[in-house]
Amino acid sequence: MPFHICLKSDKSLPQLAAEICQLLSLPPFREDSMAGEPYFQFEVFGMSILIHRIDEEDREPEVMQYAYGFDMHYSFLEHNLDIEELEYRLQAYYAQLLSFHLGLDAAHFEKQKIDRKWQIRYRFYSKNTRWNPNILFGEPGWQPAVIEHPPSSWRFMHPIF
């Protein structure tokens, strides 16, 4: 299961893809269209990264204002890694990284199993405009570079048929 980060930005999709490419030192991207919608795809070291617009009807209620998606999928063939767990754990890191360096809002979901049903909620991040890189952690006036907003409420996932 690839991880999925929702992005809210006023930037165009090509501009966002170019900035992510530069930030993550990715190889040149490939622009394609799927059902008439453009998307940008990067492939590097067993990872496939997809940056695309999310149709409004496909967005979860908590992230209705987040028009873009950043999806990463690992495709290692021979390994003993739990790739699903790795992808799940990296979502928060990449959401905060993109939020801080690109100055946009980012969200990702987290899940938990209750009885035999899955619950999800979204975590939200934005760049702290009052962050001062000259004030070190622990010094008076220090603030985090990324603000983590309160998460959404836990809700059961809707079954997909």
Protein backbone atom coordinates (compact mmCIF):
# COMPACT_ATOMS: atom_id res chain seq x y z
CA MET A 1 0.00 0.00 0.00
CA PRO A 2 1.62 3.28 -1.02
CA PHE A 3 1.62 6.12 1.43
CA HIS A 4 -0.45 9.13 0.61
CA ILE A 5 0.05 12.74 1.68
CA CYS A 6 -2.52 15.41 0.87
CA LEU A 7 -1.15 18.84 -0.03
CA LYS A 8 -2.88 22.23 0.05
CA SER A 9 -1.17 24.88 -2.06
CA ASP A 10 -1.94 27.76 -4.39
CA LYS A 11 0.85 26.57 -6.68
CA SER A 12 0.14 24.87 -9.99
CA LEU A 13 0.72 21.14 -10.30
CA PRO A 14 3.80 21.54 -12.59
CA GLN A 15 5.33 24.11 -10.22
CA LEU A 16 4.68 21.87 -7.21
CA ALA A 17 6.23 18.87 -9.01
CA ALA A 18 9.31 20.91 -9.97
CA GLU A 19 9.80 22.11 -6.37
CA ILE A 20 9.41 18.60 -4.96
CA CYS A 21 11.84 17.30 -7.58
CA GLN A 22 14.43 19.89 -6.53
CA LEU A 23 13.83 19.39 -2.78
CA LEU A 24 14.18 15.61 -2.88
CA SER A 25 16.93 15.61 -5.55
CA LEU A 26 14.81 13.42 -7.79
CA PRO A 27 15.63 12.54 -11.39
CA PRO A 28 13.68 14.31 -14.12
CA PHE A 29 9.98 13.61 -13.91
CA ARG A 30 7.65 12.25 -16.48
CA GLU A 31 4.41 14.10 -17.11
CA ASP A 32 1.55 11.85 -18.12
CA SER A 33 -2.21 12.00 -18.19
CA MET A 34 -4.61 9.60 -16.58
CA ALA A 35 -8.27 10.05 -17.49
CA GLY A 36 -7.36 13.46 -18.91
CA GLU A 37 -5.76 14.65 -15.67
CA PRO A 38 -2.02 15.37 -15.69
CA TYR A 39 0.26 13.78 -13.12
CA PHE A 40 4.00 13.71 -12.53
CA GLN A 41 5.86 10.50 -11.85
CA PHE A 42 9.39 9.97 -10.54
CA GLU A 43 11.14 6.63 -10.24
CA VAL A 44 14.30 6.24 -8.19
CA PHE A 45 15.95 3.45 -6.15
CA GLY A 46 12.94 1.17 -5.98
CA MET A 47 10.55 4.01 -5.23
CA SER A 48 7.80 5.38 -7.39
CA ILE A 49 6.58 8.88 -6.53
CA LEU A 50 3.37 10.24 -7.99
CA ILE A 51 2.26 13.87 -7.67
CA HIS A 52 -1.25 14.52 -8.88
CA ARG A 53 -4.45 16.50 -8.43
CA ILE A 54 -7.08 14.74 -6.33
CA ASP A 55 -10.61 14.90 -7.69
CA GLU A 56 -12.96 16.56 -5.24
CA GLU A 57 -15.25 13.51 -5.08
CA ASP A 58 -12.25 11.33 -4.17
CA ARG A 59 -11.18 13.48 -1.20
CA GLU A 60 -11.98 12.52 2.35
CA PRO A 61 -14.11 15.04 4.28
CA GLU A 62 -11.19 16.01 6.55
CA VAL A 63 -8.98 16.97 3.61
CA MET A 64 -11.55 18.45 1.23
CA GLN A 65 -9.41 21.61 0.81
CA TYR A 66 -6.27 19.62 -0.08
CA ALA A 67 -6.23 19.49 -3.87
CA TYR A 68 -2.95 17.62 -4.46
CA GLY A 69 -1.61 14.20 -3.59
CA PHE A 70 1.94 12.98 -3.02
CA ASP A 71 2.03 9.19 -3.21
CA MET A 72 5.13 7.07 -2.68
CA HIS A 73 5.34 3.35 -3.29
CA TYR A 74 8.32 1.10 -2.65
CA SER A 75 8.85 -1.71 -5.12
CA PHE A 76 11.76 -3.69 -3.71
CA LEU A 77 11.70 -7.22 -5.05
CA GLU A 78 13.89 -9.29 -2.75
CA HIS A 79 14.02 -8.15 0.84
CA ASN A 80 13.02 -8.93 4.40
CA LEU A 81 11.66 -5.46 5.12
CA ASP A 82 8.09 -4.79 6.16
CA ILE A 83 7.55 -2.24 3.41
CA GLU A 84 3.99 -1.44 4.45
CA GLU A 85 5.13 -0.52 7.95
CA LEU A 86 8.04 1.50 6.54
CA GLU A 87 5.76 3.46 4.22
CA TYR A 88 3.27 4.08 7.01
CA ARG A 89 5.97 5.42 9.38
CA LEU A 90 7.49 7.73 6.75
CA GLN A 91 4.23 9.58 6.01
CA ALA A 92 4.62 12.01 8.93
CA TYR A 93 8.26 12.69 8.05
CA TYR A 94 7.53 13.54 4.42
CA ALA A 95 4.42 15.56 5.32
CA GLN A 96 6.47 17.75 7.67
CA LEU A 97 9.39 17.98 5.24
CA LEU A 98 7.17 19.13 2.38
CA SER A 99 5.28 21.51 4.63
CA PHE A 100 8.43 23.17 5.94
CA HIS A 101 10.51 23.43 2.77
CA LEU A 102 7.69 24.27 0.36
CA GLY A 103 5.61 26.38 2.76
CA LEU A 104 2.38 24.48 2.17
CA ASP A 105 -0.13 22.63 4.31
CA ALA A 106 0.15 18.85 4.40
CA ALA A 107 -1.94 16.05 5.87
CA HIS A 108 -1.62 12.30 6.19
CA PHE A 109 -3.75 9.61 7.74
CA GLU A 110 -2.97 7.23 10.53
CA LYS A 111 -4.85 4.05 11.25
CA GLN A 112 -5.63 1.73 14.12
CA LYS A 113 -7.51 -1.52 14.34
CA ILE A 114 -10.38 -1.74 16.82
CA ASP A 115 -11.83 -5.23 17.06
CA ARG A 116 -11.92 -6.23 13.40
CA LYS A 117 -12.51 -2.78 11.97
CA TRP A 118 -10.04 -0.11 10.95
CA GLN A 119 -10.26 3.46 12.15
CA ILE A 120 -8.46 6.38 10.55
CA ARG A 121 -7.80 10.00 11.36
CA TYR A 122 -5.82 12.73 9.67
CA ARG A 123 -2.83 14.66 11.03
CA PHE A 124 -2.23 18.19 9.75
CA TYR A 125 0.97 20.23 9.40
CA SER A 126 1.90 23.73 8.29
CA LYS A 127 5.07 25.79 8.26
CA ASN A 128 5.50 28.03 11.29
CA THR A 129 5.89 31.53 9.89
CA ARG A 130 7.28 32.72 13.24
CA TRP A 131 10.05 30.12 13.30
CA ASN A 132 13.49 31.70 13.67
CA PRO A 133 16.44 29.58 12.54
CA ASN A 134 18.79 31.68 14.70
CA ILE A 135 17.13 30.55 17.95
CA LEU A 136 18.29 27.08 18.94
CA PHE A 137 16.14 24.41 20.57
CA GLY A 138 15.94 25.06 24.32
CA GLU A 139 16.73 28.77 24.06
CA PRO A 140 14.10 31.34 25.11
CA GLY A 141 11.76 32.13 22.23
CA TRP A 142 12.40 28.87 20.35
CA GLN A 143 9.47 27.61 18.30
CA PRO A 144 9.19 24.51 16.11
CA ALA A 145 9.63 24.99 12.36
CA VAL A 146 6.47 23.01 11.59
CA ILE A 147 3.21 23.37 13.44
CA GLU A 148 1.25 20.18 14.04
CA HIS A 149 -2.43 21.03 14.26
CA PRO A 150 -4.92 18.92 16.25
CA PRO A 151 -5.75 15.69 14.40
CA SER A 152 -9.22 14.91 13.15
CA SER A 153 -11.42 12.58 15.15
CA TRP A 154 -11.07 8.84 14.75
CA ARG A 155 -13.66 7.37 12.39
CA PHE A 156 -14.27 3.96 10.93
CA MET A 157 -13.18 3.46 7.35
CA HIS A 158 -15.94 3.00 4.84
CA PRO A 159 -15.78 -0.42 3.20
CA ILE A 160 -14.81 -0.39 -0.46
CA PHE A 161 -16.64 -2.86 -2.64
